[in-house]
N, C-alpha and C. Protein backbone atom coordinates (compact mmCIF):
# COMPACT_ATOMS: atom_id res chain seq x y z
N MET A 1 27.09 -4.93 58.44
CA MET A 1 26.32 -5.53 57.37
C MET A 1 25.84 -6.92 57.79
N PRO A 2 24.57 -7.19 57.57
CA PRO A 2 24.07 -8.52 57.92
C PRO A 2 24.67 -9.61 57.03
N GLU A 3 24.83 -10.77 57.61
CA GLU A 3 25.34 -11.92 56.87
C GLU A 3 24.24 -12.94 56.68
N ILE A 4 24.21 -13.54 55.51
CA ILE A 4 23.23 -14.58 55.19
C ILE A 4 24.00 -15.85 54.86
N LYS A 5 23.58 -16.96 55.46
CA LYS A 5 24.21 -18.25 55.19
C LYS A 5 23.56 -18.89 53.97
N ILE A 6 24.39 -19.38 53.06
CA ILE A 6 23.90 -20.11 51.89
C ILE A 6 24.03 -21.59 52.21
N VAL A 7 22.89 -22.28 52.23
CA VAL A 7 22.81 -23.66 52.73
C VAL A 7 22.34 -24.59 51.61
N THR A 8 22.90 -25.81 51.59
CA THR A 8 22.45 -26.80 50.61
C THR A 8 21.26 -27.59 51.16
N GLU A 9 20.37 -27.95 50.28
CA GLU A 9 19.20 -28.76 50.67
C GLU A 9 19.41 -30.23 50.39
N VAL A 10 20.56 -30.57 49.76
CA VAL A 10 20.84 -31.97 49.43
C VAL A 10 22.25 -32.33 49.87
N ALA A 11 22.44 -33.61 50.14
CA ALA A 11 23.78 -34.12 50.42
C ALA A 11 24.41 -34.52 49.09
N GLY A 12 25.71 -34.38 48.99
CA GLY A 12 26.39 -34.75 47.75
C GLY A 12 27.82 -34.27 47.73
N ARG A 13 28.35 -34.07 46.50
CA ARG A 13 29.74 -33.66 46.32
C ARG A 13 29.76 -32.33 45.58
N VAL A 14 30.57 -31.40 46.07
CA VAL A 14 30.71 -30.10 45.41
C VAL A 14 31.40 -30.32 44.06
N CYS A 15 30.73 -29.96 42.96
CA CYS A 15 31.29 -30.22 41.64
C CYS A 15 31.62 -28.94 40.87
N ALA A 16 31.15 -27.78 41.33
CA ALA A 16 31.50 -26.52 40.68
C ALA A 16 31.30 -25.35 41.62
N LEU A 17 32.20 -24.38 41.52
CA LEU A 17 32.13 -23.14 42.28
C LEU A 17 32.25 -21.98 41.28
N PRO A 18 31.14 -21.60 40.63
CA PRO A 18 31.21 -20.63 39.54
C PRO A 18 31.48 -19.18 39.95
N ILE A 19 31.36 -18.86 41.23
CA ILE A 19 31.53 -17.47 41.69
C ILE A 19 32.66 -17.42 42.72
N GLU A 20 33.48 -16.38 42.63
CA GLU A 20 34.61 -16.23 43.54
C GLU A 20 34.25 -15.32 44.71
N VAL A 21 35.00 -15.46 45.80
CA VAL A 21 34.83 -14.59 46.97
C VAL A 21 35.04 -13.14 46.53
N GLY A 22 34.18 -12.27 47.03
CA GLY A 22 34.25 -10.85 46.69
C GLY A 22 33.35 -10.45 45.54
N ALA A 23 32.82 -11.42 44.82
CA ALA A 23 31.95 -11.12 43.69
C ALA A 23 30.57 -10.68 44.17
N SER A 24 29.93 -9.85 43.38
CA SER A 24 28.55 -9.46 43.64
C SER A 24 27.63 -10.54 43.09
N VAL A 25 26.62 -10.90 43.86
CA VAL A 25 25.65 -11.90 43.41
C VAL A 25 24.25 -11.33 43.54
N GLY A 26 23.38 -11.78 42.67
CA GLY A 26 21.99 -11.36 42.71
C GLY A 26 21.13 -12.42 43.37
N ASP A 27 19.94 -12.05 43.75
CA ASP A 27 18.99 -12.99 44.33
C ASP A 27 18.72 -14.09 43.31
N GLY A 28 18.98 -15.34 43.67
CA GLY A 28 18.74 -16.47 42.79
C GLY A 28 19.93 -16.90 41.96
N ASP A 29 21.06 -16.16 42.04
CA ASP A 29 22.26 -16.58 41.31
C ASP A 29 22.82 -17.88 41.89
N ASP A 30 23.31 -18.75 41.00
CA ASP A 30 23.90 -20.02 41.45
C ASP A 30 25.30 -19.77 42.00
N VAL A 31 25.54 -20.23 43.23
CA VAL A 31 26.81 -20.00 43.92
C VAL A 31 27.65 -21.27 43.96
N VAL A 32 26.99 -22.41 44.14
CA VAL A 32 27.67 -23.71 44.24
C VAL A 32 26.81 -24.73 43.49
N PHE A 33 27.47 -25.73 42.89
CA PHE A 33 26.75 -26.86 42.32
C PHE A 33 27.14 -28.12 43.08
N VAL A 34 26.13 -28.87 43.50
CA VAL A 34 26.33 -30.11 44.25
C VAL A 34 25.86 -31.28 43.39
N GLU A 35 26.71 -32.27 43.24
CA GLU A 35 26.34 -33.48 42.49
C GLU A 35 25.69 -34.46 43.46
N ALA A 36 24.45 -34.84 43.14
CA ALA A 36 23.71 -35.80 43.96
C ALA A 36 22.86 -36.64 43.01
N MET A 37 22.89 -37.92 43.19
CA MET A 37 22.11 -38.84 42.36
C MET A 37 22.42 -38.64 40.87
N LYS A 38 23.69 -38.43 40.54
CA LYS A 38 24.17 -38.24 39.17
C LYS A 38 23.58 -37.01 38.49
N MET A 39 23.16 -36.03 39.30
CA MET A 39 22.64 -34.77 38.78
C MET A 39 23.42 -33.63 39.43
N GLU A 40 23.66 -32.57 38.67
CA GLU A 40 24.29 -31.37 39.22
C GLU A 40 23.19 -30.40 39.64
N LEU A 41 23.07 -30.18 40.94
CA LEU A 41 22.00 -29.35 41.48
C LEU A 41 22.57 -28.01 41.94
N PRO A 42 22.00 -26.90 41.49
CA PRO A 42 22.51 -25.59 41.90
C PRO A 42 22.07 -25.22 43.32
N VAL A 43 22.95 -24.53 44.03
CA VAL A 43 22.61 -23.93 45.31
C VAL A 43 22.64 -22.43 45.05
N SER A 44 21.49 -21.79 45.17
CA SER A 44 21.34 -20.39 44.79
C SER A 44 21.43 -19.46 45.98
N SER A 45 21.78 -18.22 45.68
CA SER A 45 21.82 -17.18 46.70
C SER A 45 20.39 -16.77 47.06
N PRO A 46 20.09 -16.66 48.35
CA PRO A 46 18.73 -16.28 48.75
C PRO A 46 18.50 -14.76 48.71
N ALA A 47 19.56 -13.98 48.43
CA ALA A 47 19.44 -12.52 48.40
C ALA A 47 20.58 -11.94 47.56
N SER A 48 20.49 -10.67 47.28
CA SER A 48 21.57 -9.97 46.58
C SER A 48 22.61 -9.53 47.60
N GLY A 49 23.86 -9.47 47.17
CA GLY A 49 24.92 -9.00 48.06
C GLY A 49 26.29 -9.35 47.51
N LYS A 50 27.26 -9.37 48.41
CA LYS A 50 28.65 -9.67 48.05
C LYS A 50 29.05 -10.98 48.73
N LEU A 51 29.66 -11.87 47.98
CA LEU A 51 30.06 -13.16 48.53
C LEU A 51 31.25 -12.96 49.46
N LYS A 52 31.03 -13.15 50.76
CA LYS A 52 32.07 -12.90 51.77
C LYS A 52 33.04 -14.08 51.88
N SER A 53 32.51 -15.31 51.88
CA SER A 53 33.39 -16.48 51.99
C SER A 53 32.71 -17.71 51.44
N ILE A 54 33.55 -18.64 50.97
CA ILE A 54 33.09 -19.95 50.53
C ILE A 54 33.71 -20.96 51.49
N LEU A 55 32.87 -21.76 52.12
CA LEU A 55 33.31 -22.65 53.19
C LEU A 55 33.64 -24.06 52.71
N VAL A 56 33.53 -24.31 51.41
CA VAL A 56 33.81 -25.64 50.85
C VAL A 56 34.73 -25.48 49.65
N LYS A 57 35.30 -26.59 49.21
CA LYS A 57 36.12 -26.57 48.00
C LYS A 57 35.65 -27.69 47.08
N LEU A 58 36.14 -27.67 45.85
CA LEU A 58 35.75 -28.70 44.89
C LEU A 58 35.98 -30.10 45.45
N ASP A 59 35.08 -30.99 45.17
CA ASP A 59 35.11 -32.40 45.57
C ASP A 59 34.83 -32.64 47.05
N ASP A 60 34.55 -31.60 47.84
CA ASP A 60 34.13 -31.81 49.23
C ASP A 60 32.78 -32.52 49.24
N VAL A 61 32.60 -33.41 50.19
CA VAL A 61 31.31 -34.06 50.40
C VAL A 61 30.56 -33.23 51.43
N VAL A 62 29.33 -32.86 51.10
CA VAL A 62 28.54 -32.00 51.98
C VAL A 62 27.27 -32.71 52.42
N ALA A 63 26.77 -32.31 53.57
CA ALA A 63 25.55 -32.90 54.14
C ALA A 63 24.38 -31.95 53.91
N GLU A 64 23.19 -32.50 53.91
CA GLU A 64 21.98 -31.70 53.81
C GLU A 64 21.95 -30.70 54.96
N GLY A 65 21.68 -29.44 54.64
CA GLY A 65 21.62 -28.40 55.66
C GLY A 65 22.95 -27.75 55.98
N GLN A 66 24.03 -28.17 55.32
CA GLN A 66 25.35 -27.62 55.59
C GLN A 66 25.49 -26.22 54.98
N VAL A 67 26.15 -25.32 55.71
CA VAL A 67 26.42 -23.98 55.21
C VAL A 67 27.58 -24.08 54.23
N LEU A 68 27.38 -23.56 53.01
CA LEU A 68 28.39 -23.62 51.97
C LEU A 68 29.13 -22.31 51.77
N ALA A 69 28.43 -21.19 52.03
CA ALA A 69 29.02 -19.88 51.79
C ALA A 69 28.30 -18.84 52.66
N ILE A 70 28.97 -17.69 52.79
CA ILE A 70 28.41 -16.57 53.55
C ILE A 70 28.27 -15.38 52.61
N LEU A 71 27.10 -14.77 52.64
CA LEU A 71 26.79 -13.61 51.79
C LEU A 71 26.64 -12.38 52.69
N GLU A 72 27.24 -11.28 52.25
CA GLU A 72 27.11 -10.00 52.96
C GLU A 72 26.11 -9.16 52.22
N THR A 73 25.08 -8.64 52.92
CA THR A 73 24.08 -7.84 52.22
C THR A 73 24.25 -6.36 52.54
């Protein structure tokens, strides 16, 4: 099964992880929320599939372009 990397476009702090590993996600579903500039910005799934792994935890500081999760299609 192909794997798709879910990447953040902003630097900030992980403030919410609404989906657990193993869950099915749809194209556009929010997988991680990153707090940047006092705003909670969603990081969405680029495709439908099953969430294989989450590479960050709550309160982690992430950089722009960092891989946050892996999706199995």
